[in-house]
């Protein structure tokens, strides 16, 4: 299981959960209450990464990697998927955010899969 935490542009704290099921639950980090459940992957969600820090009017994104061989990009403010990225031929097992100094600008996500090659998106 994987967890990541970020905030919306208005400052609401959110936790995203990769619990090896086909969806991504979103929780309020202060209360633990469910805020939304994102569906769309067709196999287990295995890993998550946050791009951008959110807060102070900036929008963060969460990237999810699944055994369905796709990455999905979530807009944290709207709690909706904004992109589906394909290219691996086996399930995703890891994601890493590189560059940008943690402020979103210039950040990239690198994905690792059971198919061995990594992808830089």
PDB file of N, CA and C in Angstrom:
ATOM      1  N   UNK A   1       0.842  -1.173   0.000  1.00  0.00           N
ATOM      2  CA  UNK A   1       0.000   0.000   0.000  1.00  0.00           C
ATOM      3  C   UNK A   1       0.890   1.239   0.000  1.00  0.00           C
ATOM      4  N   UNK A   2       0.457   2.259  -0.718  1.00  0.00           N
ATOM      5  CA  UNK A   2       1.191   3.511  -0.765  1.00  0.00           C
ATOM      6  C   UNK A   2       0.297   4.678  -0.380  1.00  0.00           C
ATOM      7  N   UNK A   3       0.888   5.681   0.206  1.00  0.00           N
ATOM      8  CA  UNK A   3       0.165   6.884   0.612  1.00  0.00           C
ATOM      9  C   UNK A   3       0.930   8.106   0.133  1.00  0.00           C
ATOM     10  N   UNK A   4       0.201   9.153  -0.189  1.00  0.00           N
ATOM     11  CA  UNK A   4       0.846  10.440  -0.400  1.00  0.00           C
ATOM     12  C   UNK A   4      -0.093  11.523   0.096  1.00  0.00           C
ATOM     13  N   UNK A   5       0.493  12.627   0.520  1.00  0.00           N
ATOM     14  CA  UNK A   5      -0.277  13.727   1.090  1.00  0.00           C
ATOM     15  C   UNK A   5       0.059  15.007   0.355  1.00  0.00           C
ATOM     16  N   UNK A   6      -0.951  15.802   0.062  1.00  0.00           N
ATOM     17  CA  UNK A   6      -0.752  17.112  -0.534  1.00  0.00           C
ATOM     18  C   UNK A   6      -1.938  17.980  -0.132  1.00  0.00           C
ATOM     19  N   UNK A   7      -2.001  19.174  -0.679  1.00  0.00           N
ATOM     20  CA  UNK A   7      -3.126  20.045  -0.355  1.00  0.00           C
ATOM     21  C   UNK A   7      -3.687  20.675  -1.604  1.00  0.00           C
ATOM     22  N   UNK A   8      -4.950  21.066  -1.519  1.00  0.00           N
ATOM     23  CA  UNK A   8      -5.597  21.757  -2.622  1.00  0.00           C
ATOM     24  C   UNK A   8      -5.096  23.189  -2.660  1.00  0.00           C
ATOM     25  N   UNK A   9      -5.451  23.916  -3.710  1.00  0.00           N
ATOM     26  CA  UNK A   9      -5.002  25.311  -3.814  1.00  0.00           C
ATOM     27  C   UNK A   9      -5.586  26.167  -2.697  1.00  0.00           C
ATOM     28  N   UNK A  10      -6.708  25.727  -2.103  1.00  0.00           N
ATOM     29  CA  UNK A  10      -7.302  26.480  -0.991  1.00  0.00           C
ATOM     30  C   UNK A  10      -6.738  26.057   0.362  1.00  0.00           C
ATOM     31  N   UNK A  11      -5.834  25.070   0.375  1.00  0.00           N
ATOM     32  CA  UNK A  11      -5.171  24.668   1.616  1.00  0.00           C
ATOM     33  C   UNK A  11      -5.762  23.447   2.306  1.00  0.00           C
ATOM     34  N   UNK A  12      -6.790  22.815   1.734  1.00  0.00           N
ATOM     35  CA  UNK A  12      -7.359  21.602   2.340  1.00  0.00           C
ATOM     36  C   UNK A  12      -6.359  20.449   2.193  1.00  0.00           C
ATOM     37  N   UNK A  13      -6.071  19.760   3.285  1.00  0.00           N
ATOM     38  CA  UNK A  13      -5.113  18.659   3.298  1.00  0.00           C
ATOM     39  C   UNK A  13      -5.789  17.369   2.843  1.00  0.00           C
ATOM     40  N   UNK A  14      -5.149  16.658   1.915  1.00  0.00           N
ATOM     41  CA  UNK A  14      -5.699  15.418   1.374  1.00  0.00           C
ATOM     42  C   UNK A  14      -4.661  14.298   1.422  1.00  0.00           C
ATOM     43  N   UNK A  15      -5.148  13.077   1.670  1.00  0.00           N
ATOM     44  CA  UNK A  15      -4.323  11.877   1.609  1.00  0.00           C
ATOM     45  C   UNK A  15      -4.876  11.001   0.490  1.00  0.00           C
ATOM     46  N   UNK A  16      -3.986  10.494  -0.346  1.00  0.00           N
ATOM     47  CA  UNK A  16      -4.337   9.614  -1.452  1.00  0.00           C
ATOM     48  C   UNK A  16      -3.774   8.241  -1.139  1.00  0.00           C
ATOM     49  N   UNK A  17      -4.543   7.196  -1.422  1.00  0.00           N
ATOM     50  CA  UNK A  17      -4.174   5.849  -1.003  1.00  0.00           C
ATOM     51  C   UNK A  17      -4.102   4.911  -2.212  1.00  0.00           C
ATOM     52  N   UNK A  18      -2.975   4.216  -2.354  1.00  0.00           N
ATOM     53  CA  UNK A  18      -2.841   3.124  -3.321  1.00  0.00           C
ATOM     54  C   UNK A  18      -2.894   1.852  -2.495  1.00  0.00           C
ATOM     55  N   UNK A  19      -4.032   1.208  -2.500  1.00  0.00           N
ATOM     56  CA  UNK A  19      -4.202   0.034  -1.639  1.00  0.00           C
ATOM     57  C   UNK A  19      -4.397  -1.255  -2.430  1.00  0.00           C
ATOM     58  N   UNK A  20      -3.816  -1.270  -3.638  1.00  0.00           N
ATOM     59  CA  UNK A  20      -3.810  -2.456  -4.489  1.00  0.00           C
ATOM     60  C   UNK A  20      -5.216  -2.875  -4.906  1.00  0.00           C
ATOM     61  N   UNK A  21      -6.088  -1.901  -5.084  1.00  0.00           N
ATOM     62  CA  UNK A  21      -7.407  -2.114  -5.682  1.00  0.00           C
ATOM     63  C   UNK A  21      -7.496  -1.216  -6.910  1.00  0.00           C
ATOM     64  N   UNK A  22      -8.614  -1.210  -7.608  1.00  0.00           N
ATOM     65  CA  UNK A  22      -8.735  -0.529  -8.891  1.00  0.00           C
ATOM     66  C   UNK A  22      -9.056   0.959  -8.773  1.00  0.00           C
ATOM     67  N   UNK A  23      -9.089   1.505  -7.587  1.00  0.00           N
ATOM     68  CA  UNK A  23      -9.446   2.916  -7.401  1.00  0.00           C
ATOM     69  C   UNK A  23      -8.503   3.582  -6.411  1.00  0.00           C
ATOM     70  N   UNK A  24      -8.613   4.916  -6.323  1.00  0.00           N
ATOM     71  CA  UNK A  24      -7.772   5.697  -5.421  1.00  0.00           C
ATOM     72  C   UNK A  24      -8.677   6.452  -4.453  1.00  0.00           C
ATOM     73  N   UNK A  25      -8.755   6.020  -3.196  1.00  0.00           N
ATOM     74  CA  UNK A  25      -9.518   6.768  -2.201  1.00  0.00           C
ATOM     75  C   UNK A  25      -8.799   8.069  -1.832  1.00  0.00           C
ATOM     76  N   UNK A  26      -9.569   9.119  -1.615  1.00  0.00           N
ATOM     77  CA  UNK A  26      -9.037  10.398  -1.148  1.00  0.00           C
ATOM     78  C   UNK A  26      -9.639  10.666   0.213  1.00  0.00           C
ATOM     79  N   UNK A  27      -8.776  10.943   1.196  1.00  0.00           N
ATOM     80  CA  UNK A  27      -9.208  11.168   2.568  1.00  0.00           C
ATOM     81  C   UNK A  27      -8.865  12.582   3.016  1.00  0.00           C
ATOM     82  N   UNK A  28      -9.664  13.129   3.917  1.00  0.00           N
ATOM     83  CA  UNK A  28      -9.331  14.381   4.585  1.00  0.00           C
ATOM     84  C   UNK A  28      -8.263  14.045   5.626  1.00  0.00           C
ATOM     85  N   UNK A  29      -7.111  14.702   5.572  1.00  0.00           N
ATOM     86  CA  UNK A  29      -6.021  14.313   6.472  1.00  0.00           C
ATOM     87  C   UNK A  29      -6.269  14.724   7.918  1.00  0.00           C
ATOM     88  N   UNK A  30      -7.176  15.639   8.154  1.00  0.00           N
ATOM     89  CA  UNK A  30      -7.473  16.040   9.526  1.00  0.00           C
ATOM     90  C   UNK A  30      -8.455  15.102  10.214  1.00  0.00           C
ATOM     91  N   UNK A  31      -9.428  14.585   9.460  1.00  0.00           N
ATOM     92  CA  UNK A  31     -10.473  13.759  10.066  1.00  0.00           C
ATOM     93  C   UNK A  31     -10.393  12.284   9.678  1.00  0.00           C
ATOM     94  N   UNK A  32      -9.700  11.984   8.577  1.00  0.00           N
ATOM     95  CA  UNK A  32      -9.660  10.618   8.069  1.00  0.00           C
ATOM     96  C   UNK A  32     -10.894  10.237   7.279  1.00  0.00           C
ATOM     97  N   UNK A  33     -11.833  11.159   7.153  1.00  0.00           N
ATOM     98  CA  UNK A  33     -13.076  10.889   6.422  1.00  0.00           C
ATOM     99  C   UNK A  33     -12.813  10.827   4.927  1.00  0.00           C
ATOM    100  N   UNK A  34     -13.552   9.962   4.237  1.00  0.00           N
ATOM    101  CA  UNK A  34     -13.455   9.870   2.792  1.00  0.00           C
ATOM    102  C   UNK A  34     -14.004  11.124   2.127  1.00  0.00           C
ATOM    103  N   UNK A  35     -13.273  11.656   1.171  1.00  0.00           N
ATOM    104  CA  UNK A  35     -13.700  12.833   0.416  1.00  0.00           C
ATOM    105  C   UNK A  35     -14.207  12.409  -0.953  1.00  0.00           C
ATOM    106  N   UNK A  36     -13.523  11.455  -1.576  1.00  0.00           N
ATOM    107  CA  UNK A  36     -13.903  10.953  -2.897  1.00  0.00           C
ATOM    108  C   UNK A  36     -13.183   9.633  -3.135  1.00  0.00           C
ATOM    109  N   UNK A  37     -13.662   8.885  -4.103  1.00  0.00           N
ATOM    110  CA  UNK A  37     -12.982   7.681  -4.569  1.00  0.00           C
ATOM    111  C   UNK A  37     -12.889   7.776  -6.079  1.00  0.00           C
ATOM    112  N   UNK A  38     -11.679   7.764  -6.581  1.00  0.00           N
ATOM    113  CA  UNK A  38     -11.466   7.905  -8.018  1.00  0.00           C
ATOM    114  C   UNK A  38     -11.388   6.542  -8.678  1.00  0.00           C
ATOM    115  N   UNK A  39     -12.223   6.359  -9.667  1.00  0.00           N
ATOM    116  CA  UNK A  39     -12.247   5.109 -10.421  1.00  0.00           C
ATOM    117  C   UNK A  39     -11.730   5.386 -11.819  1.00  0.00           C
ATOM    118  N   UNK A  40     -11.273   4.350 -12.488  1.00  0.00           N
ATOM    119  CA  UNK A  40     -10.792   4.521 -13.851  1.00  0.00           C
ATOM    120  C   UNK A  40      -9.730   3.519 -14.237  1.00  0.00           C
ATOM    121  N   UNK A  41      -8.892   3.124 -13.278  1.00  0.00           N
ATOM    122  CA  UNK A  41      -7.921   2.077 -13.579  1.00  0.00           C
ATOM    123  C   UNK A  41      -8.668   0.761 -13.748  1.00  0.00           C
ATOM    124  N   UNK A  42      -8.115  -0.122 -14.586  1.00  0.00           N
ATOM    125  CA  UNK A  42      -8.746  -1.420 -14.816  1.00  0.00           C
ATOM    126  C   UNK A  42      -7.999  -2.562 -14.141  1.00  0.00           C
ATOM    127  N   UNK A  43      -7.030  -2.213 -13.298  1.00  0.00           N
ATOM    128  CA  UNK A  43      -6.319  -3.199 -12.499  1.00  0.00           C
ATOM    129  C   UNK A  43      -5.792  -2.479 -11.257  1.00  0.00           C
ATOM    130  N   UNK A  44      -5.088  -3.183 -10.408  1.00  0.00           N
ATOM    131  CA  UNK A  44      -4.641  -2.637  -9.124  1.00  0.00           C
ATOM    132  C   UNK A  44      -3.782  -1.381  -9.259  1.00  0.00           C
ATOM    133  N   UNK A  45      -4.050  -0.394  -8.413  1.00  0.00           N
ATOM    134  CA  UNK A  45      -3.202   0.795  -8.315  1.00  0.00           C
ATOM    135  C   UNK A  45      -2.076   0.443  -7.348  1.00  0.00           C
ATOM    136  N   UNK A  46      -0.848   0.568  -7.812  1.00  0.00           N
ATOM    137  CA  UNK A  46       0.299   0.091  -7.061  1.00  0.00           C
ATOM    138  C   UNK A  46       1.146   1.216  -6.466  1.00  0.00           C
ATOM    139  N   UNK A  47       1.186   2.392  -7.124  1.00  0.00           N
ATOM    140  CA  UNK A  47       2.080   3.451  -6.657  1.00  0.00           C
ATOM    141  C   UNK A  47       1.494   4.833  -6.953  1.00  0.00           C
ATOM    142  N   UNK A  48       1.945   5.810  -6.170  1.00  0.00           N
ATOM    143  CA  UNK A  48       1.482   7.192  -6.280  1.00  0.00           C
ATOM    144  C   UNK A  48       2.667   8.145  -6.158  1.00  0.00           C
ATOM    145  N   UNK A  49       2.522   9.325  -6.770  1.00  0.00           N
ATOM    146  CA  UNK A  49       3.523  10.385  -6.607  1.00  0.00           C
ATOM    147  C   UNK A  49       2.815  11.730  -6.705  1.00  0.00           C
ATOM    148  N   UNK A  50       3.280  12.709  -5.937  1.00  0.00           N
ATOM    149  CA  UNK A  50       2.734  14.061  -5.963  1.00  0.00           C
ATOM    150  C   UNK A  50       3.648  14.951  -6.796  1.00  0.00           C
ATOM    151  N   UNK A  51       3.060  15.700  -7.720  1.00  0.00           N
ATOM    152  CA  UNK A  51       3.794  16.661  -8.531  1.00  0.00           C
ATOM    153  C   UNK A  51       3.300  18.047  -8.149  1.00  0.00           C
ATOM    154  N   UNK A  52       4.185  18.906  -7.692  1.00  0.00           N
ATOM    155  CA  UNK A  52       3.793  20.223  -7.197  1.00  0.00           C
ATOM    156  C   UNK A  52       3.339  20.109  -5.755  1.00  0.00           C
ATOM    157  N   UNK A  53       3.447  21.179  -5.036  1.00  0.00           N
ATOM    158  CA  UNK A  53       3.155  21.117  -3.605  1.00  0.00           C
ATOM    159  C   UNK A  53       1.733  21.501  -3.248  1.00  0.00           C
ATOM    160  N   UNK A  54       1.001  22.152  -4.150  1.00  0.00           N
ATOM    161  CA  UNK A  54      -0.343  22.611  -3.820  1.00  0.00           C
ATOM    162  C   UNK A  54      -0.281  23.763  -2.829  1.00  0.00           C
ATOM    163  N   UNK A  55      -1.438  24.251  -2.415  1.00  0.00           N
ATOM    164  CA  UNK A  55      -1.511  25.357  -1.461  1.00  0.00           C
ATOM    165  C   UNK A  55      -1.137  26.686  -2.102  1.00  0.00           C
ATOM    166  N   UNK A  56      -1.475  27.768  -1.438  1.00  0.00           N
ATOM    167  CA  UNK A  56      -1.155  29.120  -1.904  1.00  0.00           C
ATOM    168  C   UNK A  56      -1.592  29.377  -3.345  1.00  0.00           C
ATOM    169  N   UNK A  57      -2.739  28.845  -3.722  1.00  0.00           N
ATOM    170  CA  UNK A  57      -3.279  29.085  -5.048  1.00  0.00           C
ATOM    171  C   UNK A  57      -2.727  28.195  -6.141  1.00  0.00           C
ATOM    172  N   UNK A  58      -1.751  27.344  -5.827  1.00  0.00           N
ATOM    173  CA  UNK A  58      -1.169  26.452  -6.830  1.00  0.00           C
ATOM    174  C   UNK A  58      -1.901  25.115  -6.817  1.00  0.00           C
ATOM    175  N   UNK A  59      -1.995  24.495  -7.965  1.00  0.00           N
ATOM    176  CA  UNK A  59      -2.667  23.209  -8.071  1.00  0.00           C
ATOM    177  C   UNK A  59      -1.638  22.085  -8.123  1.00  0.00           C
ATOM    178  N   UNK A  60      -1.776  21.124  -7.236  1.00  0.00           N
ATOM    179  CA  UNK A  60      -0.911  19.944  -7.256  1.00  0.00           C
ATOM    180  C   UNK A  60      -1.563  18.877  -8.129  1.00  0.00           C
ATOM    181  N   UNK A  61      -0.757  17.940  -8.567  1.00  0.00           N
ATOM    182  CA  UNK A  61      -1.241  16.770  -9.303  1.00  0.00           C
ATOM    183  C   UNK A  61      -0.749  15.527  -8.582  1.00  0.00           C
ATOM    184  N   UNK A  62      -1.549  14.477  -8.629  1.00  0.00           N
ATOM    185  CA  UNK A  62      -1.138  13.173  -8.127  1.00  0.00           C
ATOM    186  C   UNK A  62      -1.125  12.231  -9.323  1.00  0.00           C
ATOM    187  N   UNK A  63      -0.038  11.475  -9.452  1.00  0.00           N
ATOM    188  CA  UNK A  63       0.085  10.494 -10.524  1.00  0.00           C
ATOM    189  C   UNK A  63      -0.047   9.113  -9.902  1.00  0.00           C
ATOM    190  N   UNK A  64      -0.889   8.279 -10.499  1.00  0.00           N
ATOM    191  CA  UNK A  64      -1.056   6.907 -10.016  1.00  0.00           C
ATOM    192  C   UNK A  64      -0.551   5.942 -11.081  1.00  0.00           C
ATOM    193  N   UNK A  65       0.104   4.873 -10.620  1.00  0.00           N
ATOM    194  CA  UNK A  65       0.594   3.825 -11.511  1.00  0.00           C
ATOM    195  C   UNK A  65      -0.118   2.525 -11.190  1.00  0.00           C
ATOM    196  N   UNK A  66      -0.503   1.797 -12.225  1.00  0.00           N
ATOM    197  CA  UNK A  66      -1.337   0.613 -12.034  1.00  0.00           C
ATOM    198  C   UNK A  66      -0.796  -0.590 -12.789  1.00  0.00           C
ATOM    199  N   UNK A  67      -1.276  -1.755 -12.371  1.00  0.00           N
ATOM    200  CA  UNK A  67      -0.978  -2.987 -13.093  1.00  0.00           C
ATOM    201  C   UNK A  67      -1.673  -3.003 -14.447  1.00  0.00           C
ATOM    202  N   UNK A  68      -2.548  -2.021 -14.728  1.00  0.00           N
ATOM    203  CA  UNK A  68      -3.184  -1.952 -16.047  1.00  0.00           C
ATOM    204  C   UNK A  68      -2.257  -1.301 -17.085  1.00  0.00           C
ATOM    205  N   UNK A  69      -0.996  -1.055 -16.701  1.00  0.00           N
ATOM    206  CA  UNK A  69       0.058  -0.541 -17.575  1.00  0.00           C
ATOM    207  C   UNK A  69      -0.083   0.953 -17.873  1.00  0.00           C
ATOM    208  N   UNK A  70      -0.880   1.662 -17.097  1.00  0.00           N
ATOM    209  CA  UNK A  70      -1.069   3.088 -17.336  1.00  0.00           C
ATOM    210  C   UNK A  70      -0.706   3.925 -16.116  1.00  0.00           C
ATOM    211  N   UNK A  71      -0.412   5.173 -16.400  1.00  0.00           N
ATOM    212  CA  UNK A  71      -0.304   6.213 -15.380  1.00  0.00           C
ATOM    213  C   UNK A  71      -1.519   7.105 -15.570  1.00  0.00           C
ATOM    214  N   UNK A  72      -2.120   7.526 -14.471  1.00  0.00           N
ATOM    215  CA  UNK A  72      -3.216   8.484 -14.551  1.00  0.00           C
ATOM    216  C   UNK A  72      -2.823   9.705 -13.748  1.00  0.00           C
ATOM    217  N   UNK A  73      -3.169  10.866 -14.279  1.00  0.00           N
ATOM    218  CA  UNK A  73      -2.826  12.135 -13.650  1.00  0.00           C
ATOM    219  C   UNK A  73      -4.102  12.757 -13.102  1.00  0.00           C
ATOM    220  N   UNK A  74      -4.063  13.097 -11.808  1.00  0.00           N
ATOM    221  CA  UNK A  74      -5.222  13.626 -11.089  1.00  0.00           C
ATOM    222  C   UNK A  74      -5.007  15.092 -10.749  1.00  0.00           C
ATOM    223  N   UNK A  75      -5.995  15.919 -11.017  1.00  0.00           N
ATOM    224  CA  UNK A  75      -5.983  17.294 -10.538  1.00  0.00           C
ATOM    225  C   UNK A  75      -6.513  17.277  -9.102  1.00  0.00           C
ATOM    226  N   UNK A  76      -5.704  17.711  -8.156  1.00  0.00           N
ATOM    227  CA  UNK A  76      -6.062  17.628  -6.738  1.00  0.00           C
ATOM    228  C   UNK A  76      -7.251  18.533  -6.412  1.00  0.00           C
ATOM    229  N   UNK A  77      -7.323  19.712  -7.023  1.00  0.00           N
ATOM    230  CA  UNK A  77      -8.421  20.650  -6.721  1.00  0.00           C
ATOM    231  C   UNK A  77      -9.780  20.122  -7.146  1.00  0.00           C
ATOM    232  N   UNK A  78      -9.835  19.513  -8.332  1.00  0.00           N
ATOM    233  CA  UNK A  78     -11.133  19.056  -8.851  1.00  0.00           C
ATOM    234  C   UNK A  78     -11.400  17.587  -8.563  1.00  0.00           C
ATOM    235  N   UNK A  79     -10.394  16.861  -8.077  1.00  0.00           N
ATOM    236  CA  UNK A  79     -10.496  15.420  -7.814  1.00  0.00           C
ATOM    237  C   UNK A  79     -10.985  14.676  -9.058  1.00  0.00           C
ATOM    238  N   UNK A  80     -10.405  15.046 -10.205  1.00  0.00           N
ATOM    239  CA  UNK A  80     -10.736  14.380 -11.467  1.00  0.00           C
ATOM    240  C   UNK A  80      -9.455  14.011 -12.203  1.00  0.00           C
ATOM    241  N   UNK A  81      -9.557  12.959 -13.020  1.00  0.00           N
ATOM    242  CA  UNK A  81      -8.441  12.558 -13.856  1.00  0.00           C
ATOM    243  C   UNK A  81      -8.307  13.559 -14.993  1.00  0.00           C
ATOM    244  N   UNK A  82      -7.097  13.988 -15.304  1.00  0.00           N
ATOM    245  CA  UNK A  82      -6.887  14.925 -16.405  1.00  0.00           C
ATOM    246  C   UNK A  82      -6.075  14.307 -17.546  1.00  0.00           C
ATOM    247  N   UNK A  83      -5.473  13.146 -17.312  1.00  0.00           N
ATOM    248  CA  UNK A  83      -4.719  12.484 -18.377  1.00  0.00           C
ATOM    249  C   UNK A  83      -4.521  11.015 -18.038  1.00  0.00           C
ATOM    250  N   UNK A  84      -4.451  10.195 -19.077  1.00  0.00           N
ATOM    251  CA  UNK A  84      -4.061   8.793 -18.959  1.00  0.00           C
ATOM    252  C   UNK A  84      -2.866   8.602 -19.876  1.00  0.00           C
ATOM    253  N   UNK A  85      -1.769   8.091 -19.318  1.00  0.00           N
ATOM    254  CA  UNK A  85      -0.531   7.925 -20.061  1.00  0.00           C
ATOM    255  C   UNK A  85      -0.233   6.447 -20.241  1.00  0.00           C
ATOM    256  N   UNK A  86       0.081   6.075 -21.480  1.00  0.00           N
ATOM    257  CA  UNK A  86       0.354   4.680 -21.815  1.00  0.00           C
ATOM    258  C   UNK A  86       1.759   4.555 -22.366  1.00  0.00           C
ATOM    259  N   UNK A  87       2.303   3.358 -22.349  1.00  0.00           N
ATOM    260  CA  UNK A  87       3.627   3.135 -22.907  1.00  0.00           C
ATOM    261  C   UNK A  87       4.312   1.906 -22.354  1.00  0.00           C
ATOM    262  N   UNK A  88       3.952   1.504 -21.151  1.00  0.00           N
ATOM    263  CA  UNK A  88       4.525   0.282 -20.586  1.00  0.00           C
ATOM    264  C   UNK A  88       3.759  -0.924 -21.124  1.00  0.00           C
ATOM    265  N   UNK A  89       4.425  -2.079 -21.122  1.00  0.00           N
ATOM    266  CA  UNK A  89       3.770  -3.302 -21.572  1.00  0.00           C
ATOM    267  C   UNK A  89       3.562  -4.288 -20.419  1.00  0.00           C
ATOM    268  N   UNK A  90       3.784  -3.804 -19.196  1.00  0.00           N
ATOM    269  CA  UNK A  90       3.523  -4.606 -18.005  1.00  0.00           C
ATOM    270  C   UNK A  90       3.132  -3.637 -16.893  1.00  0.00           C
ATOM    271  N   UNK A  91       2.749  -4.173 -15.745  1.00  0.00           N
ATOM    272  CA  UNK A  91       2.263  -3.348 -14.656  1.00  0.00           C
ATOM    273  C   UNK A  91       3.304  -2.397 -14.082  1.00  0.00           C
ATOM    274  N   UNK A  92       2.829  -1.247 -13.616  1.00  0.00           N
ATOM    275  CA  UNK A  92       3.702  -0.249 -12.993  1.00  0.00           C
ATOM    276  C   UNK A  92       4.014  -0.679 -11.569  1.00  0.00           C
ATOM    277  N   UNK A  93       5.252  -0.429 -11.123  1.00  0.00           N
ATOM    278  CA  UNK A  93       5.613  -0.772  -9.755  1.00  0.00           C
ATOM    279  C   UNK A  93       6.216   0.386  -8.985  1.00  0.00           C
ATOM    280  N   UNK A  94       6.645   1.459  -9.677  1.00  0.00           N
ATOM    281  CA  UNK A  94       7.250   2.574  -8.947  1.00  0.00           C
ATOM    282  C   UNK A  94       7.123   3.875  -9.737  1.00  0.00           C
ATOM    283  N   UNK A  95       7.086   4.967  -8.981  1.00  0.00           N
ATOM    284  CA  UNK A  95       7.075   6.317  -9.544  1.00  0.00           C
ATOM    285  C   UNK A  95       8.027   7.173  -8.730  1.00  0.00           C
ATOM    286  N   UNK A  96       8.687   8.103  -9.385  1.00  0.00           N
ATOM    287  CA  UNK A  96       9.537   9.064  -8.688  1.00  0.00           C
ATOM    288  C   UNK A  96       9.391  10.416  -9.372  1.00  0.00           C
ATOM    289  N   UNK A  97       9.375  11.476  -8.567  1.00  0.00           N
ATOM    290  CA  UNK A  97       9.336  12.838  -9.091  1.00  0.00           C
ATOM    291  C   UNK A  97      10.749  13.390  -9.036  1.00  0.00           C
ATOM    292  N   UNK A  98      11.216  13.924 -10.153  1.00  0.00           N
ATOM    293  CA  UNK A  98      12.569  14.460 -10.224  1.00  0.00           C
ATOM    294  C   UNK A  98      12.546  15.891 -10.751  1.00  0.00           C
ATOM    295  N   UNK A  99      13.512  16.686 -10.304  1.00  0.00           N
ATOM    296  CA  UNK A  99      13.646  18.055 -10.770  1.00  0.00           C
ATOM    297  C   UNK A  99      12.643  18.990 -10.133  1.00  0.00           C
ATOM    298  N   UNK A 100      12.757  20.258 -10.462  1.00  0.00           N
ATOM    299  CA  UNK A 100      11.781  21.249 -10.036  1.00  0.00           C
ATOM    300  C   UNK A 100      11.900  21.746  -8.621  1.00  0.00           C
ATOM    301  N   UNK A 101      12.772  21.199  -7.825  1.00  0.00           N
ATOM    302  CA  UNK A 101      12.981  21.650  -6.437  1.00  0.00           C
ATOM    303  C   UNK A 101      11.707  21.606  -5.601  1.00  0.00           C
ATOM    304  N   UNK A 102      10.772  20.699  -5.907  1.00  0.00           N
ATOM    305  CA  UNK A 102       9.563  20.538  -5.100  1.00  0.00           C
ATOM    306  C   UNK A 102       8.527  21.619  -5.273  1.00  0.00           C
ATOM    307  N   UNK A 103       8.660  22.457  -6.293  1.00  0.00           N
ATOM    308  CA  UNK A 103       7.693  23.544  -6.469  1.00  0.00           C
ATOM    309  C   UNK A 103       6.803  23.353  -7.687  1.00  0.00           C
ATOM    310  N   UNK A 104       6.919  22.227  -8.364  1.00  0.00           N
ATOM    311  CA  UNK A 104       6.073  21.945  -9.506  1.00  0.00           C
ATOM    312  C   UNK A 104       6.712  22.309 -10.834  1.00  0.00           C
ATOM    313  N   UNK A 105       7.361  23.464 -10.929  1.00  0.00           N
ATOM    314  CA  UNK A 105       7.960  23.904 -12.187  1.00  0.00           C
ATOM    315  C   UNK A 105       9.118  22.984 -12.565  1.00  0.00           C
ATOM    316  N   UNK A 106       9.053  22.423 -13.751  1.00  0.00           N
ATOM    317  CA  UNK A 106      10.136  21.581 -14.229  1.00  0.00           C
ATOM    318  C   UNK A 106      10.162  20.173 -13.659  1.00  0.00           C
ATOM    319  N   UNK A 107       9.195  19.820 -12.814  1.00  0.00           N
ATOM    320  CA  UNK A 107       9.172  18.471 -12.266  1.00  0.00           C
ATOM    321  C   UNK A 107       8.744  17.471 -13.337  1.00  0.00           C
ATOM    322  N   UNK A 108       9.318  16.283 -13.254  1.00  0.00           N
ATOM    323  CA  UNK A 108       8.958  15.195 -14.161  1.00  0.00           C
ATOM    324  C   UNK A 108       8.736  13.944 -13.322  1.00  0.00           C
ATOM    325  N   UNK A 109       7.948  13.043 -13.862  1.00  0.00           N
ATOM    326  CA  UNK A 109       7.690  11.772 -13.192  1.00  0.00           C
ATOM    327  C   UNK A 109       8.372  10.671 -13.996  1.00  0.00           C
ATOM    328  N   UNK A 110       9.132   9.838 -13.295  1.00  0.00           N
ATOM    329  CA  UNK A 110       9.761   8.672 -13.910  1.00  0.00           C
ATOM    330  C   UNK A 110       9.022   7.454 -13.383  1.00  0.00           C
ATOM    331  N   UNK A 111       8.628   6.553 -14.291  1.00  0.00           N
ATOM    332  CA  UNK A 111       7.884   5.359 -13.889  1.00  0.00           C
ATOM    333  C   UNK A 111       8.708   4.110 -14.163  1.00  0.00           C
ATOM    334  N   UNK A 112       8.572   3.149 -13.270  1.00  0.00           N
ATOM    335  CA  UNK A 112       9.228   1.857 -13.426  1.00  0.00           C
ATOM    336  C   UNK A 112       8.181   0.768 -13.496  1.00  0.00           C
ATOM    337  N   UNK A 113       8.427  -0.232 -14.316  1.00  0.00           N
ATOM    338  CA  UNK A 113       7.449  -1.286 -14.558  1.00  0.00           C
ATOM    339  C   UNK A 113       8.114  -2.647 -14.498  1.00  0.00           C
ATOM    340  N   UNK A 114       7.283  -3.668 -14.401  1.00  0.00           N
ATOM    341  CA  UNK A 114       7.798  -5.030 -14.463  1.00  0.00           C
ATOM    342  C   UNK A 114       8.368  -5.328 -15.852  1.00  0.00           C
ATOM    343  N   UNK A 115       8.077  -4.473 -16.858  1.00  0.00           N
ATOM    344  CA  UNK A 115       8.635  -4.677 -18.198  1.00  0.00           C
ATOM    345  C   UNK A 115      10.083  -4.196 -18.301  1.00  0.00           C
ATOM    346  N   UNK A 116      10.649  -3.685 -17.221  1.00  0.00           N
ATOM    347  CA  UNK A 116      12.046  -3.286 -17.052  1.00  0.00           C
ATOM    348  C   UNK A 116      12.347  -1.848 -17.449  1.00  0.00           C
ATOM    349  N   UNK A 117      12.001  -1.361 -18.647  1.00  0.00           N
ATOM    350  CA  UNK A 117      12.421   0.006 -18.959  1.00  0.00           C
ATOM    351  C   UNK A 117      11.677   1.029 -18.107  1.00  0.00           C
ATOM    352  N   UNK A 118      12.342   2.167 -17.901  1.00  0.00           N
ATOM    353  CA  UNK A 118      11.668   3.241 -17.210  1.00  0.00           C
ATOM    354  C   UNK A 118      11.178   4.233 -18.248  1.00  0.00           C
ATOM    355  N   UNK A 119      10.186   5.009 -17.905  1.00  0.00           N
ATOM    356  CA  UNK A 119       9.641   6.028 -18.791  1.00  0.00           C
ATOM    357  C   UNK A 119       9.727   7.361 -18.085  1.00  0.00           C
ATOM    358  N   UNK A 120      10.075   8.384 -18.802  1.00  0.00           N
ATOM    359  CA  UNK A 120      10.200   9.739 -18.265  1.00  0.00           C
ATOM    360  C   UNK A 120       9.070  10.564 -18.876  1.00  0.00           C
ATOM    361  N   UNK A 121       8.113  11.008 -18.034  1.00  0.00           N
ATOM    362  CA  UNK A 121       6.972  11.766 -18.566  1.00  0.00           C
ATOM    363  C   UNK A 121       6.991  13.191 -18.077  1.00  0.00           C
TER     364      UNK A 121
END
